[in-house]
PDB file of N, CA and C in Angstrom:
ATOM      1  N   MET A   1       3.698  -0.006  -1.238  1.00  0.00           N
ATOM      2  CA  MET A   1       3.806   0.983  -1.975  1.00  0.00           C
ATOM      3  C   MET A   1       2.705   1.704  -1.422  1.00  0.00           C
ATOM      4  N   ALA A   2       1.796   1.425  -1.229  1.00  0.00           N
ATOM      5  CA  ALA A   2       0.697   2.623  -0.749  1.00  0.00           C
ATOM      6  C   ALA A   2       1.084   3.302   0.841  1.00  0.00           C
ATOM      7  N   GLU A   3       2.053   2.837   1.428  1.00  0.00           N
ATOM      8  CA  GLU A   3       2.235   3.149   2.642  1.00  0.00           C
ATOM      9  C   GLU A   3       3.573   4.305   2.002  1.00  0.00           C
ATOM     10  N   GLY A   4       4.120   4.261   1.456  1.00  0.00           N
ATOM     11  CA  GLY A   4       5.366   4.929   0.814  1.00  0.00           C
ATOM     12  C   GLY A   4       4.419   6.236  -0.025  1.00  0.00           C
ATOM     13  N   ILE A   5       3.662   5.921  -0.953  1.00  0.00           N
ATOM     14  CA  ILE A   5       3.059   6.912  -1.612  1.00  0.00           C
ATOM     15  C   ILE A   5       1.944   7.841  -0.127  1.00  0.00           C
ATOM     16  N   ALA A   6       1.654   7.345   0.696  1.00  0.00           N
ATOM     17  CA  ALA A   6       0.215   7.445   1.262  1.00  0.00           C
ATOM     18  C   ALA A   6       1.252   8.970   2.441  1.00  0.00           C
ATOM     19  N   ARG A   7       2.456   8.551   2.524  1.00  0.00           N
ATOM     20  CA  ARG A   7       3.577   9.313   3.331  1.00  0.00           C
ATOM     21  C   ARG A   7       3.693  10.587   2.376  1.00  0.00           C
ATOM     22  N   TYR A   8       4.098  10.171   1.397  1.00  0.00           N
ATOM     23  CA  TYR A   8       5.160  10.938   0.176  1.00  0.00           C
ATOM     24  C   TYR A   8       3.892  12.306   0.242  1.00  0.00           C
ATOM     25  N   LEU A   9       2.476  11.925   0.598  1.00  0.00           N
ATOM     26  CA  LEU A   9       1.471  12.704   0.097  1.00  0.00           C
ATOM     27  C   LEU A   9       1.335  13.565   1.205  1.00  0.00           C
ATOM     28  N   GLY A  10       2.229  12.743   2.551  1.00  0.00           N
ATOM     29  CA  GLY A  10       1.744  14.260   3.718  1.00  0.00           C
ATOM     30  C   GLY A  10       0.577  13.296   4.739  1.00  0.00           C
ATOM     31  N   HIS A  11       0.775  12.090   4.858  1.00  0.00           N
ATOM     32  CA  HIS A  11      -0.398  11.480   5.415  1.00  0.00           C
ATOM     33  C   HIS A  11       0.410  10.675   6.488  1.00  0.00           C
ATOM     34  N   GLU A  12       0.017  10.307   7.521  1.00  0.00           N
ATOM     35  CA  GLU A  12       0.302   8.686   8.092  1.00  0.00           C
ATOM     36  C   GLU A  12      -0.592   7.919   7.885  1.00  0.00           C
ATOM     37  N   ALA A  13       0.517   6.849   7.645  1.00  0.00           N
ATOM     38  CA  ALA A  13       0.174   5.441   6.851  1.00  0.00           C
ATOM     39  C   ALA A  13       0.715   4.452   7.219  1.00  0.00           C
ATOM     40  N   ALA A  14       0.083   3.150   7.541  1.00  0.00           N
ATOM     41  CA  ALA A  14       0.889   2.112   7.459  1.00  0.00           C
ATOM     42  C   ALA A  14       0.425   0.737   6.485  1.00  0.00           C
ATOM     43  N   SER A  15       1.213  -0.267   6.136  1.00  0.00           N
ATOM     44  CA  SER A  15       1.011  -1.009   4.951  1.00  0.00           C
ATOM     45  C   SER A  15       0.931  -2.861   5.771  1.00  0.00           C
ATOM     46  N   ALA A  16       0.432  -3.588   5.423  1.00  0.00           N
ATOM     47  CA  ALA A  16       0.605  -4.491   5.844  1.00  0.00           C
ATOM     48  C   ALA A  16      -0.207  -5.769   5.110  1.00  0.00           C
ATOM     49  N   GLY A  17       0.900  -7.007   4.741  1.00  0.00           N
ATOM     50  CA  GLY A  17       0.094  -8.182   4.022  1.00  0.00           C
ATOM     51  C   GLY A  17       0.064  -9.485   4.863  1.00  0.00           C
ATOM     52  N   THR A  18      -0.808 -10.355   3.485  1.00  0.00           N
ATOM     53  CA  THR A  18      -1.051 -11.918   4.108  1.00  0.00           C
ATOM     54  C   THR A  18       0.335 -12.441   3.917  1.00  0.00           C
ATOM     55  N   HIS A  19       0.898 -11.909   2.781  1.00  0.00           N
ATOM     56  CA  HIS A  19       2.166 -12.703   2.649  1.00  0.00           C
ATOM     57  C   HIS A  19       2.926 -11.627   2.225  1.00  0.00           C
ATOM     58  N   ALA A  20       3.697 -11.070   3.621  1.00  0.00           N
ATOM     59  CA  ALA A  20       4.995 -10.363   4.034  1.00  0.00           C
ATOM     60  C   ALA A  20       6.008 -11.455   3.783  1.00  0.00           C
ATOM     61  N   SER A  21       7.034 -10.678   3.007  1.00  0.00           N
ATOM     62  CA  SER A  21       8.480 -11.148   2.541  1.00  0.00           C
ATOM     63  C   SER A  21       8.739 -11.364   3.979  1.00  0.00           C
ATOM     64  N   GLU A  22       9.821 -13.061   3.851  1.00  0.00           N
ATOM     65  CA  GLU A  22      10.121 -13.481   4.937  1.00  0.00           C
ATOM     66  C   GLU A  22      11.688 -12.540   4.865  1.00  0.00           C
ATOM     67  N   SER A  23      12.229 -12.090   3.947  1.00  0.00           N
ATOM     68  CA  SER A  23      13.742 -11.463   3.799  1.00  0.00           C
ATOM     69  C   SER A  23      13.674 -10.170   4.617  1.00  0.00           C
ATOM     70  N   GLY A  24      12.392  -9.695   5.074  1.00  0.00           N
ATOM     71  CA  GLY A  24      12.640  -7.999   5.643  1.00  0.00           C
ATOM     72  C   GLY A  24      12.336  -7.389   4.974  1.00  0.00           C
ATOM     73  N   ARG A  25      12.565  -7.525   3.330  1.00  0.00           N
ATOM     74  CA  ARG A  25      13.139  -6.179   2.156  1.00  0.00           C
ATOM     75  C   ARG A  25      11.810  -6.341   1.593  1.00  0.00           C
ATOM     76  N   VAL A  26      11.306  -4.776   1.082  1.00  0.00           N
ATOM     77  CA  VAL A  26      10.604  -4.950   0.096  1.00  0.00           C
ATOM     78  C   VAL A  26      11.107  -5.059  -1.497  1.00  0.00           C
ATOM     79  N   ALA A  27       9.896  -5.517  -2.106  1.00  0.00           N
ATOM     80  CA  ALA A  27      10.665  -5.962  -3.612  1.00  0.00           C
ATOM     81  C   ALA A  27      11.257  -5.260  -4.309  1.00  0.00           C
ATOM     82  N   GLU A  28      12.209  -5.497  -4.689  1.00  0.00           N
ATOM     83  CA  GLU A  28      13.374  -4.443  -5.370  1.00  0.00           C
ATOM     84  C   GLU A  28      12.689  -4.003  -6.468  1.00  0.00           C
ATOM     85  N   PHE A  29      11.733  -4.021  -7.351  1.00  0.00           N
ATOM     86  CA  PHE A  29      11.178  -3.367  -8.408  1.00  0.00           C
ATOM     87  C   PHE A  29       9.793  -2.154  -7.889  1.00  0.00           C
ATOM     88  N   ALA A  30       9.806  -2.662  -6.644  1.00  0.00           N
ATOM     89  CA  ALA A  30       8.745  -1.513  -5.570  1.00  0.00           C
ATOM     90  C   ALA A  30       9.218  -0.572  -5.140  1.00  0.00           C
ATOM     91  N   ILE A  31      10.696  -0.847  -4.568  1.00  0.00           N
ATOM     92  CA  ILE A  31      11.673  -0.089  -4.185  1.00  0.00           C
ATOM     93  C   ILE A  31      11.807   1.112  -5.622  1.00  0.00           C
ATOM     94  N   GLU A  32      12.387   0.724  -6.376  1.00  0.00           N
ATOM     95  CA  GLU A  32      12.776   1.051  -7.565  1.00  0.00           C
ATOM     96  C   GLU A  32      11.548   2.000  -8.128  1.00  0.00           C
ATOM     97  N   ALA A  33      10.408   1.785  -8.200  1.00  0.00           N
ATOM     98  CA  ALA A  33       9.231   2.538  -8.704  1.00  0.00           C
ATOM     99  C   ALA A  33       8.912   3.787  -7.835  1.00  0.00           C
ATOM    100  N   LEU A  34       8.830   3.447  -6.829  1.00  0.00           N
ATOM    101  CA  LEU A  34       8.741   4.324  -5.575  1.00  0.00           C
ATOM    102  C   LEU A  34       9.859   5.830  -5.904  1.00  0.00           C
ATOM    103  N   GLU A  35      10.920   5.296  -5.689  1.00  0.00           N
ATOM    104  CA  GLU A  35      11.769   6.064  -6.071  1.00  0.00           C
ATOM    105  C   GLU A  35      11.972   6.851  -7.255  1.00  0.00           C
ATOM    106  N   GLU A  36      11.534   6.549  -8.172  1.00  0.00           N
ATOM    107  CA  GLU A  36      11.554   7.051  -9.214  1.00  0.00           C
ATOM    108  C   GLU A  36      10.658   8.394  -9.381  1.00  0.00           C
ATOM    109  N   ILE A  37       9.949   8.377  -8.412  1.00  0.00           N
ATOM    110  CA  ILE A  37       8.411   9.415  -8.281  1.00  0.00           C
ATOM    111  C   ILE A  37       9.365  10.606  -6.703  1.00  0.00           C
ATOM    112  N   GLY A  38      10.325   9.659  -6.398  1.00  0.00           N
ATOM    113  CA  GLY A  38      10.891  10.957  -5.164  1.00  0.00           C
ATOM    114  C   GLY A  38      10.385  10.324  -4.057  1.00  0.00           C
ATOM    115  N   VAL A  39       9.687   8.848  -3.848  1.00  0.00           N
ATOM    116  CA  VAL A  39       9.248   8.455  -2.588  1.00  0.00           C
ATOM    117  C   VAL A  39      10.506   8.078  -1.934  1.00  0.00           C
ATOM    118  N   ASP A  40      10.706   8.695  -0.361  1.00  0.00           N
ATOM    119  CA  ASP A  40      11.583   7.887   0.651  1.00  0.00           C
ATOM    120  C   ASP A  40      11.141   6.548   0.955  1.00  0.00           C
ATOM    121  N   THR A  41      12.374   5.452   0.659  1.00  0.00           N
ATOM    122  CA  THR A  41      11.674   4.010   0.991  1.00  0.00           C
ATOM    123  C   THR A  41      12.344   3.706   2.212  1.00  0.00           C
ATOM    124  N   SER A  42      13.063   4.132   2.874  1.00  0.00           N
ATOM    125  CA  SER A  42      14.223   4.120   3.495  1.00  0.00           C
ATOM    126  C   SER A  42      13.890   3.295   5.210  1.00  0.00           C
ATOM    127  N   ASP A  43      12.365   3.824   5.451  1.00  0.00           N
ATOM    128  CA  ASP A  43      11.497   2.938   6.191  1.00  0.00           C
ATOM    129  C   ASP A  43      10.831   1.895   6.244  1.00  0.00           C
ATOM    130  N   LEU A  44      10.678   1.401   4.733  1.00  0.00           N
ATOM    131  CA  LEU A  44       9.483   0.692   4.526  1.00  0.00           C
ATOM    132  C   LEU A  44       9.979  -0.832   4.833  1.00  0.00           C
ATOM    133  N   ARG A  45       9.222  -1.473   5.103  1.00  0.00           N
ATOM    134  CA  ARG A  45       9.698  -2.723   5.964  1.00  0.00           C
ATOM    135  C   ARG A  45       8.244  -3.181   5.279  1.00  0.00           C
ATOM    136  N   PRO A  46       8.297  -5.061   5.083  1.00  0.00           N
ATOM    137  CA  PRO A  46       7.209  -5.753   5.285  1.00  0.00           C
ATOM    138  C   PRO A  46       6.965  -6.105   6.274  1.00  0.00           C
ATOM    139  N   LYS A  47       5.116  -6.125   6.375  1.00  0.00           N
ATOM    140  CA  LYS A  47       4.463  -6.410   7.281  1.00  0.00           C
ATOM    141  C   LYS A  47       3.338  -7.059   7.736  1.00  0.00           C
ATOM    142  N   LYS A  48       3.492  -7.977   8.591  1.00  0.00           N
ATOM    143  CA  LYS A  48       2.233  -9.639   8.370  1.00  0.00           C
ATOM    144  C   LYS A  48       0.875  -8.754   8.818  1.00  0.00           C
ATOM    145  N   ILE A  49      -0.025  -8.580   8.015  1.00  0.00           N
ATOM    146  CA  ILE A  49      -1.348  -8.413   8.547  1.00  0.00           C
ATOM    147  C   ILE A  49      -1.996  -8.631   9.967  1.00  0.00           C
ATOM    148  N   ASP A  50      -1.246  -9.526  10.603  1.00  0.00           N
ATOM    149  CA  ASP A  50      -2.004 -10.047  12.003  1.00  0.00           C
ATOM    150  C   ASP A  50      -1.101  -8.783  13.169  1.00  0.00           C
ATOM    151  N   ALA A  51      -0.475  -8.119  12.727  1.00  0.00           N
ATOM    152  CA  ALA A  51      -0.043  -6.778  13.026  1.00  0.00           C
ATOM    153  C   ALA A  51      -0.806  -5.864  13.424  1.00  0.00           C
ATOM    154  N   VAL A  52      -1.994  -6.020  12.626  1.00  0.00           N
ATOM    155  CA  VAL A  52      -2.640  -4.440  12.371  1.00  0.00           C
ATOM    156  C   VAL A  52      -3.750  -4.586  13.460  1.00  0.00           C
ATOM    157  N   TYR A  53      -3.775  -3.574  14.463  1.00  0.00           N
ATOM    158  CA  TYR A  53      -5.071  -3.386  14.707  1.00  0.00           C
ATOM    159  C   TYR A  53      -6.164  -2.223  14.624  1.00  0.00           C
ATOM    160  N   PRO A  54      -7.216  -2.733  14.182  1.00  0.00           N
ATOM    161  CA  PRO A  54      -8.332  -1.843  13.617  1.00  0.00           C
ATOM    162  C   PRO A  54      -8.328  -0.497  13.917  1.00  0.00           C
ATOM    163  N   GLY A  55      -8.338  -0.503  15.408  1.00  0.00           N
ATOM    164  CA  GLY A  55      -8.624   0.966  15.813  1.00  0.00           C
ATOM    165  C   GLY A  55      -7.603   2.046  16.228  1.00  0.00           C
ATOM    166  N   ASP A  56      -6.386   1.139  15.563  1.00  0.00           N
ATOM    167  CA  ASP A  56      -5.180   2.424  14.985  1.00  0.00           C
ATOM    168  C   ASP A  56      -5.442   3.059  14.005  1.00  0.00           C
ATOM    169  N   TYR A  57      -6.778   2.969  13.387  1.00  0.00           N
ATOM    170  CA  TYR A  57      -6.803   3.738  11.619  1.00  0.00           C
ATOM    171  C   TYR A  57      -7.702   4.313  11.366  1.00  0.00           C
ATOM    172  N   ASP A  58      -8.168   5.291  10.852  1.00  0.00           N
ATOM    173  CA  ASP A  58      -8.952   5.898  10.883  1.00  0.00           C
ATOM    174  C   ASP A  58      -9.865   4.961   9.101  1.00  0.00           C
ATOM    175  N   ALA A  59      -9.116   3.930   8.161  1.00  0.00           N
ATOM    176  CA  ALA A  59      -9.920   3.299   7.552  1.00  0.00           C
ATOM    177  C   ALA A  59      -8.766   2.367   7.407  1.00  0.00           C
ATOM    178  N   ILE A  60      -9.267   0.886   6.527  1.00  0.00           N
ATOM    179  CA  ILE A  60      -8.313  -0.138   6.387  1.00  0.00           C
ATOM    180  C   ILE A  60      -9.006  -0.352   4.844  1.00  0.00           C
ATOM    181  N   ILE A  61      -7.582  -0.178   3.985  1.00  0.00           N
ATOM    182  CA  ILE A  61      -8.041  -0.558   2.748  1.00  0.00           C
ATOM    183  C   ILE A  61      -7.657  -1.597   1.988  1.00  0.00           C
ATOM    184  N   SER A  62      -7.763  -2.819   1.267  1.00  0.00           N
ATOM    185  CA  SER A  62      -7.507  -3.343   0.958  1.00  0.00           C
ATOM    186  C   SER A  62      -7.309  -3.203  -0.384  1.00  0.00           C
ATOM    187  N   MET A  63      -6.153  -3.129  -1.402  1.00  0.00           N
ATOM    188  CA  MET A  63      -5.559  -3.105  -2.047  1.00  0.00           C
ATOM    189  C   MET A  63      -6.278  -3.795  -3.343  1.00  0.00           C
ATOM    190  N   GLY A  64      -6.793  -5.495  -2.913  1.00  0.00           N
ATOM    191  CA  GLY A  64      -7.026  -6.119  -3.708  1.00  0.00           C
ATOM    192  C   GLY A  64      -6.502  -7.929  -4.021  1.00  0.00           C
ATOM    193  N   CYS A  65      -6.502  -7.841  -4.905  1.00  0.00           N
ATOM    194  CA  CYS A  65      -5.522  -9.428  -4.597  1.00  0.00           C
ATOM    195  C   CYS A  65      -6.248 -10.828  -4.109  1.00  0.00           C
ATOM    196  N   GLY A  66      -7.608 -10.705  -4.361  1.00  0.00           N
ATOM    197  CA  GLY A  66      -8.292 -11.772  -3.826  1.00  0.00           C
ATOM    198  C   GLY A  66      -8.035 -12.013  -2.119  1.00  0.00           C
ATOM    199  N   VAL A  67      -7.580 -11.095  -1.539  1.00  0.00           N
ATOM    200  CA  VAL A  67      -7.528 -11.181  -0.131  1.00  0.00           C
ATOM    201  C   VAL A  67      -8.988 -11.081   0.615  1.00  0.00           C
ATOM    202  N   SER A  68      -8.480 -11.651   1.338  1.00  0.00           N
ATOM    203  CA  SER A  68     -10.174 -11.917   2.680  1.00  0.00           C
ATOM    204  C   SER A  68      -9.052 -11.901   4.058  1.00  0.00           C
ATOM    205  N   CYS A  69      -9.519 -10.608   4.815  1.00  0.00           N
ATOM    206  CA  CYS A  69      -9.890 -10.603   6.030  1.00  0.00           C
ATOM    207  C   CYS A  69     -10.469 -10.817   6.831  1.00  0.00           C
ATOM    208  N   PRO A  70     -11.118 -11.778   7.372  1.00  0.00           N
ATOM    209  CA  PRO A  70     -11.973 -11.771   8.585  1.00  0.00           C
ATOM    210  C   PRO A  70     -11.732 -10.870   9.579  1.00  0.00           C
ATOM    211  N   SER A  71     -10.771 -11.018  10.485  1.00  0.00           N
ATOM    212  CA  SER A  71     -10.447 -10.305  11.185  1.00  0.00           C
ATOM    213  C   SER A  71     -10.366  -9.055  10.996  1.00  0.00           C
ATOM    214  N   LEU A  72     -10.325  -7.980  10.043  1.00  0.00           N
ATOM    215  CA  LEU A  72     -10.043  -6.762   9.975  1.00  0.00           C
ATOM    216  C   LEU A  72     -11.691  -6.111   9.277  1.00  0.00           C
ATOM    217  N   PRO A  73     -12.263  -5.347   9.680  1.00  0.00           N
ATOM    218  CA  PRO A  73     -13.130  -4.087   8.593  1.00  0.00           C
ATOM    219  C   PRO A  73     -12.404  -3.787   7.675  1.00  0.00           C
ATOM    220  N   ILE A  74     -12.506  -4.053   6.545  1.00  0.00           N
ATOM    221  CA  ILE A  74     -11.930  -3.770   5.280  1.00  0.00           C
ATOM    222  C   ILE A  74     -13.123  -2.311   5.089  1.00  0.00           C
ATOM    223  N   ASP A  75     -12.429  -1.117   4.720  1.00  0.00           N
ATOM    224  CA  ASP A  75     -13.628   0.008   4.302  1.00  0.00           C
ATOM    225  C   ASP A  75     -13.535  -0.134   2.779  1.00  0.00           C
ATOM    226  N   GLU A  76     -12.730  -0.476   1.952  1.00  0.00           N
ATOM    227  CA  GLU A  76     -12.462  -0.217   0.475  1.00  0.00           C
ATOM    228  C   GLU A  76     -11.582  -1.310   0.634  1.00  0.00           C
ATOM    229  N   ASP A  77     -12.249  -1.668  -0.819  1.00  0.00           N
ATOM    230  CA  ASP A  77     -10.866  -2.335  -1.473  1.00  0.00           C
ATOM    231  C   ASP A  77     -10.844  -1.896  -2.853  1.00  0.00           C
ATOM    232  N   TRP A  78      -9.486  -1.736  -3.362  1.00  0.00           N
ATOM    233  CA  TRP A  78      -9.658  -1.117  -4.111  1.00  0.00           C
ATOM    234  C   TRP A  78      -9.153  -1.726  -6.009  1.00  0.00           C
ATOM    235  N   GLY A  79      -9.203  -3.542  -5.488  1.00  0.00           N
ATOM    236  CA  GLY A  79      -9.798  -4.332  -6.768  1.00  0.00           C
ATOM    237  C   GLY A  79      -8.276  -4.219  -7.443  1.00  0.00           C
ATOM    238  N   LEU A  80      -6.572  -3.882  -6.944  1.00  0.00           N
ATOM    239  CA  LEU A  80      -5.536  -3.989  -7.626  1.00  0.00           C
ATOM    240  C   LEU A  80      -5.309  -5.648  -7.707  1.00  0.00           C
ATOM    241  N   GLU A  81      -4.464  -5.644  -8.857  1.00  0.00           N
ATOM    242  CA  GLU A  81      -3.508  -7.052  -9.228  1.00  0.00           C
ATOM    243  C   GLU A  81      -2.352  -6.816  -8.088  1.00  0.00           C
ATOM    244  N   ASP A  82      -1.712  -7.855  -7.836  1.00  0.00           N
ATOM    245  CA  ASP A  82      -0.750  -7.962  -6.819  1.00  0.00           C
ATOM    246  C   ASP A  82       0.630  -7.819  -7.926  1.00  0.00           C
ATOM    247  N   PRO A  83       1.143  -6.852  -8.154  1.00  0.00           N
ATOM    248  CA  PRO A  83       2.914  -7.048  -8.804  1.00  0.00           C
ATOM    249  C   PRO A  83       3.861  -7.696  -8.167  1.00  0.00           C
ATOM    250  N   HIS A  84       3.663  -8.323  -7.492  1.00  0.00           N
ATOM    251  CA  HIS A  84       4.569  -9.373  -6.674  1.00  0.00           C
ATOM    252  C   HIS A  84       4.926 -10.300  -7.924  1.00  0.00           C
ATOM    253  N   GLY A  85       6.461 -10.481  -8.123  1.00  0.00           N
ATOM    254  CA  GLY A  85       6.753 -11.282  -9.018  1.00  0.00           C
ATOM    255  C   GLY A  85       6.451 -10.739 -10.841  1.00  0.00           C
ATOM    256  N   GLY A  86       5.927  -9.456 -10.636  1.00  0.00           N
ATOM    257  CA  GLY A  86       6.052  -9.396 -12.190  1.00  0.00           C
ATOM    258  C   GLY A  86       7.041  -8.454 -12.852  1.00  0.00           C
ATOM    259  N   LYS A  87       7.049  -7.684 -13.897  1.00  0.00           N
ATOM    260  CA  LYS A  87       8.205  -7.064 -14.277  1.00  0.00           C
ATOM    261  C   LYS A  87       8.175  -5.643 -13.733  1.00  0.00           C
ATOM    262  N   ARG A  88       9.335  -4.673 -14.112  1.00  0.00           N
ATOM    263  CA  ARG A  88       9.486  -3.637 -13.725  1.00  0.00           C
ATOM    264  C   ARG A  88       8.095  -2.779 -13.755  1.00  0.00           C
ATOM    265  N   GLU A  89       7.436  -2.621 -15.045  1.00  0.00           N
ATOM    266  CA  GLU A  89       6.306  -2.040 -15.666  1.00  0.00           C
ATOM    267  C   GLU A  89       5.333  -2.367 -15.216  1.00  0.00           C
ATOM    268  N   VAL A  90       4.975  -3.598 -14.484  1.00  0.00           N
ATOM    269  CA  VAL A  90       3.639  -3.589 -13.723  1.00  0.00           C
ATOM    270  C   VAL A  90       4.040  -3.275 -12.389  1.00  0.00           C
ATOM    271  N   TYR A  91       4.699  -3.380 -11.537  1.00  0.00           N
ATOM    272  CA  TYR A  91       5.125  -2.368 -10.660  1.00  0.00           C
ATOM    273  C   TYR A  91       4.823  -0.634 -10.632  1.00  0.00           C
ATOM    274  N   ARG A  92       5.207  -0.345 -12.107  1.00  0.00           N
ATOM    275  CA  ARG A  92       5.057   1.170 -11.972  1.00  0.00           C
ATOM    276  C   ARG A  92       3.432   1.449 -12.662  1.00  0.00           C
ATOM    277  N   LYS A  93       2.876   0.486 -12.794  1.00  0.00           N
ATOM    278  CA  LYS A  93       1.180   0.647 -13.153  1.00  0.00           C
ATOM    279  C   LYS A  93       0.463   0.426 -12.281  1.00  0.00           C
ATOM    280  N   THR A  94       1.143  -0.290 -11.172  1.00  0.00           N
ATOM    281  CA  THR A  94       0.536  -0.311  -9.761  1.00  0.00           C
ATOM    282  C   THR A  94       0.746   0.672  -9.029  1.00  0.00           C
ATOM    283  N   ARG A  95       1.962   1.469  -8.820  1.00  0.00           N
ATOM    284  CA  ARG A  95       2.161   2.751  -8.196  1.00  0.00           C
ATOM    285  C   ARG A  95       1.347   4.028  -9.136  1.00  0.00           C
ATOM    286  N   ASP A  96       1.233   4.181  -9.981  1.00  0.00           N
ATOM    287  CA  ASP A  96       0.396   5.281 -10.536  1.00  0.00           C
ATOM    288  C   ASP A  96      -0.833   4.848 -10.070  1.00  0.00           C
ATOM    289  N   ALA A  97      -1.308   3.815 -10.325  1.00  0.00           N
ATOM    290  CA  ALA A  97      -2.952   3.383  -9.719  1.00  0.00           C
ATOM    291  C   ALA A  97      -2.840   3.838  -8.400  1.00  0.00           C
ATOM    292  N   ILE A  98      -2.139   3.481  -7.204  1.00  0.00           N
ATOM    293  CA  ILE A  98      -1.880   3.451  -6.056  1.00  0.00           C
ATOM    294  C   ILE A  98      -2.365   5.329  -5.892  1.00  0.00           C
ATOM    295  N   ARG A  99      -1.072   5.991  -6.608  1.00  0.00           N
ATOM    296  CA  ARG A  99      -0.945   6.946  -6.347  1.00  0.00           C
ATOM    297  C   ARG A  99      -2.274   7.803  -6.297  1.00  0.00           C
ATOM    298  N   ILE A 100      -2.883   7.545  -7.936  1.00  0.00           N
ATOM    299  CA  ILE A 100      -4.436   8.047  -7.633  1.00  0.00           C
ATOM    300  C   ILE A 100      -5.313   7.998  -6.842  1.00  0.00           C
ATOM    301  N   LEU A 101      -5.608   6.508  -6.500  1.00  0.00           N
ATOM    302  CA  LEU A 101      -6.351   6.258  -5.385  1.00  0.00           C
ATOM    303  C   LEU A 101      -6.270   7.178  -3.921  1.00  0.00           C
ATOM    304  N   VAL A 102      -5.086   6.877  -3.933  1.00  0.00           N
ATOM    305  CA  VAL A 102      -4.660   7.446  -2.470  1.00  0.00           C
ATOM    306  C   VAL A 102      -4.802   9.443  -2.419  1.00  0.00           C
ATOM    307  N   SER A 103      -4.674   9.661  -3.487  1.00  0.00           N
ATOM    308  CA  SER A 103      -5.033  11.300  -3.798  1.00  0.00           C
ATOM    309  C   SER A 103      -6.671  11.293  -3.346  1.00  0.00           C
ATOM    310  N   ASN A 104      -7.296  10.680  -4.369  1.00  0.00           N
ATOM    311  CA  ASN A 104      -8.584  10.392  -4.337  1.00  0.00           C
ATOM    312  C   ASN A 104      -9.378  10.240  -2.844  1.00  0.00           C
ATOM    313  N   LEU A 105      -8.777   9.437  -2.258  1.00  0.00           N
ATOM    314  CA  LEU A 105      -9.380   9.093  -1.209  1.00  0.00           C
ATOM    315  C   LEU A 105      -8.735  10.354  -0.021  1.00  0.00           C
ATOM    316  N   VAL A 106      -7.891  11.025  -0.090  1.00  0.00           N
ATOM    317  CA  VAL A 106      -7.547  12.001   0.789  1.00  0.00           C
ATOM    318  C   VAL A 106      -8.423  13.095   0.540  1.00  0.00           C
ATOM    319  N   GLU A 107      -8.504  13.557  -1.031  1.00  0.00           N
ATOM    320  CA  GLU A 107      -9.596  15.008  -1.402  1.00  0.00           C
ATOM    321  C   GLU A 107     -10.666  14.360  -0.869  1.00  0.00           C
ATOM    322  N   SER A 108     -11.505  12.853  -0.831  1.00  0.00           N
ATOM    323  CA  SER A 108     -12.597  12.857  -0.092  1.00  0.00           C
ATOM    324  C   SER A 108     -12.843  13.002   1.047  1.00  0.00           C
ATOM    325  N   CYS A 109     -11.815  12.955   1.865  1.00  0.00           N
ATOM    326  CA  CYS A 109     -11.601  13.203   3.463  1.00  0.00           C
ATOM    327  C   CYS A 109     -11.889  14.865   3.320  1.00  0.00           C
ATOM    328  N   THR A 110     -11.082  15.467   2.892  1.00  0.00           N
ATOM    329  CA  THR A 110     -11.087  16.815   2.965  1.00  0.00           C
ATOM    330  C   THR A 110     -12.188  17.334   2.275  1.00  0.00           C
ATOM    331  N   ASP A 111     -13.183  16.660   1.450  1.00  0.00           N
ATOM    332  CA  ASP A 111     -14.100  17.547   0.908  1.00  0.00           C
ATOM    333  C   ASP A 111     -15.178  17.204   2.068  1.00  0.00           C
ATOM    334  N   ALA A 112     -15.206  16.431   2.765  1.00  0.00           N
ATOM    335  CA  ALA A 112     -16.298  16.254   3.939  1.00  0.00           C
ATOM    336  C   ALA A 112     -16.520  17.073   5.304  1.00  0.00           C
TER     337      ALA A 112
END
């Protein structure tokens, strides 16, 4: 959801996880939650974290979920609960939290 939201807000972003779906599809409730606020989800695909090269990004942010990534320099951890397997409303709450956090991150970068 973070990748979609960041792009929706006009920024280049990529997202990856330690447990990317083998189905090649983003969770249905995540897609629904994003589309409810007008985010284009057509290019979103689950990607594994081992495909991330840290030098390609200005910052690497962990959503939280108790994940440790010793091979990646995590710049910030947002401490969010993983909505995977949750009800539709859990995805909406996570979406809303991510939208606020991405907006705040963008604002802090433009203020610097």
